[in-house]
């Protein structure tokens, strides 16, 4: 499972900005969902280049 880094910035007016680094694909939405629920409605959403990339599954190891 891929791990991402959540970055939470709060400006002087108290408005939060949530971003994710290090995670490819739409899995970042699951990471930010709890914070979005805490802070209320999403005013704007921007998908990064990482969002549009496909996460590669790790190859399975088979022992014989």
N, C-alpha and C. Protein backbone atom coordinates (compact mmCIF):
# COMPACT_ATOMS: atom_id res chain seq x y z
N UNK A 1 0.85 -1.18 0.00
CA UNK A 1 0.00 0.00 0.00
C UNK A 1 0.89 1.23 0.00
N UNK A 2 0.54 2.20 -0.82
CA UNK A 2 1.31 3.43 -0.91
C UNK A 2 1.05 4.32 0.29
N UNK A 3 2.07 5.03 0.68
CA UNK A 3 1.94 5.98 1.78
C UNK A 3 2.09 7.37 1.23
N UNK A 4 1.28 8.27 1.72
CA UNK A 4 1.36 9.65 1.32
C UNK A 4 1.62 10.53 2.52
N UNK A 5 2.03 11.74 2.26
CA UNK A 5 2.30 12.71 3.31
C UNK A 5 1.24 13.80 3.20
N UNK A 6 0.50 14.03 4.29
CA UNK A 6 -0.53 15.06 4.31
C UNK A 6 0.11 16.36 4.80
N UNK A 7 -0.14 17.43 4.06
CA UNK A 7 0.34 18.76 4.45
C UNK A 7 -0.88 19.62 4.72
N UNK A 8 -0.97 20.14 5.94
CA UNK A 8 -2.08 20.99 6.35
C UNK A 8 -1.53 22.37 6.66
N UNK A 9 -1.98 23.36 5.92
CA UNK A 9 -1.56 24.74 6.14
C UNK A 9 -2.81 25.54 6.50
N UNK A 10 -2.68 26.42 7.47
CA UNK A 10 -3.79 27.27 7.88
C UNK A 10 -3.32 28.72 7.76
N UNK A 11 -4.05 29.51 6.96
CA UNK A 11 -3.64 30.89 6.76
C UNK A 11 -4.05 31.76 7.95
N UNK A 12 -3.70 33.04 7.90
CA UNK A 12 -3.96 33.95 9.01
C UNK A 12 -5.45 34.12 9.29
N UNK A 13 -6.28 33.91 8.29
CA UNK A 13 -7.73 34.03 8.47
C UNK A 13 -8.35 32.73 8.99
N UNK A 14 -7.53 31.68 9.15
CA UNK A 14 -8.03 30.40 9.65
C UNK A 14 -8.51 29.44 8.58
N UNK A 15 -8.24 29.76 7.31
CA UNK A 15 -8.65 28.90 6.22
C UNK A 15 -7.62 27.79 5.97
N UNK A 16 -8.05 26.53 6.02
CA UNK A 16 -7.10 25.43 5.82
C UNK A 16 -6.87 25.11 4.34
N UNK A 17 -5.66 24.67 4.03
CA UNK A 17 -5.32 24.11 2.73
C UNK A 17 -4.72 22.74 3.01
N UNK A 18 -5.30 21.71 2.40
CA UNK A 18 -4.85 20.34 2.60
C UNK A 18 -4.28 19.83 1.29
N UNK A 19 -3.07 19.26 1.34
CA UNK A 19 -2.49 18.66 0.14
C UNK A 19 -1.80 17.36 0.52
N UNK A 20 -1.57 16.53 -0.49
CA UNK A 20 -0.94 15.23 -0.28
C UNK A 20 0.25 15.12 -1.22
N UNK A 21 1.36 14.62 -0.69
CA UNK A 21 2.55 14.37 -1.50
C UNK A 21 2.92 12.90 -1.39
N UNK A 22 3.45 12.35 -2.47
CA UNK A 22 3.97 10.99 -2.44
C UNK A 22 2.95 9.89 -2.65
N UNK A 23 1.78 10.23 -3.16
CA UNK A 23 0.77 9.21 -3.42
C UNK A 23 0.22 9.42 -4.83
N UNK A 24 0.24 8.36 -5.61
CA UNK A 24 -0.27 8.43 -6.98
C UNK A 24 -1.71 7.96 -7.03
N UNK A 25 -2.48 8.53 -7.94
CA UNK A 25 -3.86 8.10 -8.13
C UNK A 25 -4.81 8.73 -7.12
N UNK A 26 -6.07 8.33 -7.18
CA UNK A 26 -7.11 8.94 -6.35
C UNK A 26 -7.12 8.50 -4.89
N UNK A 27 -6.17 7.70 -4.46
CA UNK A 27 -6.12 7.27 -3.06
C UNK A 27 -5.94 8.42 -2.09
N UNK A 28 -5.44 9.54 -2.59
CA UNK A 28 -5.23 10.71 -1.73
C UNK A 28 -6.55 11.24 -1.18
N UNK A 29 -7.64 11.03 -1.92
CA UNK A 29 -8.94 11.49 -1.44
C UNK A 29 -9.33 10.81 -0.13
N UNK A 30 -8.99 9.52 0.01
CA UNK A 30 -9.29 8.79 1.24
C UNK A 30 -8.47 9.33 2.41
N UNK A 31 -7.24 9.79 2.11
CA UNK A 31 -6.40 10.35 3.17
C UNK A 31 -6.92 11.69 3.67
N UNK A 32 -7.42 12.52 2.77
CA UNK A 32 -7.85 13.86 3.16
C UNK A 32 -9.29 13.92 3.65
N UNK A 33 -10.08 12.89 3.39
CA UNK A 33 -11.50 12.89 3.75
C UNK A 33 -11.76 13.22 5.22
N UNK A 34 -11.06 12.61 6.18
CA UNK A 34 -11.31 12.95 7.59
C UNK A 34 -11.07 14.44 7.90
N UNK A 35 -10.03 15.01 7.30
CA UNK A 35 -9.76 16.43 7.53
C UNK A 35 -10.82 17.31 6.87
N UNK A 36 -11.25 16.91 5.68
CA UNK A 36 -12.32 17.66 5.01
C UNK A 36 -13.60 17.63 5.85
N UNK A 37 -13.88 16.51 6.48
CA UNK A 37 -15.07 16.39 7.33
C UNK A 37 -14.94 17.30 8.55
N UNK A 38 -13.75 17.41 9.11
CA UNK A 38 -13.53 18.26 10.29
C UNK A 38 -13.67 19.73 9.94
N UNK A 39 -13.06 20.15 8.84
CA UNK A 39 -13.03 21.58 8.50
C UNK A 39 -14.25 22.06 7.74
N UNK A 40 -15.11 21.16 7.29
CA UNK A 40 -16.33 21.59 6.61
C UNK A 40 -16.24 21.46 5.11
N UNK A 41 -17.07 22.21 4.43
CA UNK A 41 -17.19 22.06 2.97
C UNK A 41 -15.91 22.45 2.25
N UNK A 42 -15.66 21.77 1.14
CA UNK A 42 -14.49 22.03 0.30
C UNK A 42 -14.84 23.18 -0.63
N UNK A 43 -14.03 24.24 -0.59
CA UNK A 43 -14.28 25.41 -1.40
C UNK A 43 -13.68 25.23 -2.79
N UNK A 44 -12.51 24.58 -2.86
CA UNK A 44 -11.86 24.35 -4.14
C UNK A 44 -11.02 23.09 -4.04
N UNK A 45 -10.87 22.41 -5.17
CA UNK A 45 -10.08 21.18 -5.21
C UNK A 45 -9.27 21.18 -6.50
N UNK A 46 -7.98 20.86 -6.38
CA UNK A 46 -7.10 20.86 -7.55
C UNK A 46 -6.33 19.54 -7.55
N UNK A 47 -6.41 18.82 -8.66
CA UNK A 47 -5.69 17.55 -8.77
C UNK A 47 -4.28 17.81 -9.29
N UNK A 48 -3.30 17.19 -8.65
CA UNK A 48 -1.91 17.35 -9.05
C UNK A 48 -1.55 16.33 -10.13
N UNK A 49 -0.34 16.44 -10.65
CA UNK A 49 0.14 15.48 -11.65
C UNK A 49 0.18 14.07 -11.05
N UNK A 50 0.50 13.96 -9.75
CA UNK A 50 0.54 12.64 -9.10
C UNK A 50 -0.83 11.97 -9.11
N UNK A 51 -1.88 12.76 -9.00
CA UNK A 51 -3.23 12.21 -9.00
C UNK A 51 -3.51 11.46 -10.30
N UNK A 52 -2.98 11.96 -11.39
CA UNK A 52 -3.25 11.38 -12.71
C UNK A 52 -2.31 10.22 -13.06
N UNK A 53 -1.38 9.89 -12.16
CA UNK A 53 -0.49 8.76 -12.39
C UNK A 53 -1.10 7.50 -11.80
N UNK A 54 -0.68 6.35 -12.32
CA UNK A 54 -1.19 5.06 -11.85
C UNK A 54 -0.20 4.48 -10.85
N UNK A 55 -0.72 4.06 -9.71
CA UNK A 55 0.11 3.43 -8.68
C UNK A 55 0.48 2.03 -9.14
N UNK A 56 1.75 1.72 -9.12
CA UNK A 56 2.23 0.40 -9.51
C UNK A 56 2.15 -0.54 -8.31
N UNK A 57 1.55 -1.69 -8.50
CA UNK A 57 1.48 -2.68 -7.43
C UNK A 57 2.87 -3.34 -7.30
N UNK A 58 3.23 -3.63 -6.08
CA UNK A 58 4.50 -4.30 -5.83
C UNK A 58 4.43 -5.73 -6.37
N UNK A 59 5.49 -6.21 -6.99
CA UNK A 59 5.46 -7.58 -7.51
C UNK A 59 5.35 -8.59 -6.36
N UNK A 60 4.58 -9.62 -6.60
CA UNK A 60 4.41 -10.66 -5.58
C UNK A 60 5.62 -11.57 -5.58
N UNK A 61 6.01 -11.99 -4.40
CA UNK A 61 7.13 -12.93 -4.27
C UNK A 61 6.55 -14.32 -4.07
N UNK A 62 7.07 -15.24 -4.83
CA UNK A 62 6.59 -16.62 -4.74
C UNK A 62 7.78 -17.49 -4.36
N UNK A 63 7.61 -18.31 -3.32
CA UNK A 63 8.65 -19.25 -2.94
C UNK A 63 8.26 -20.63 -3.41
N UNK A 64 9.24 -21.34 -3.91
CA UNK A 64 8.97 -22.71 -4.36
C UNK A 64 9.71 -23.69 -3.50
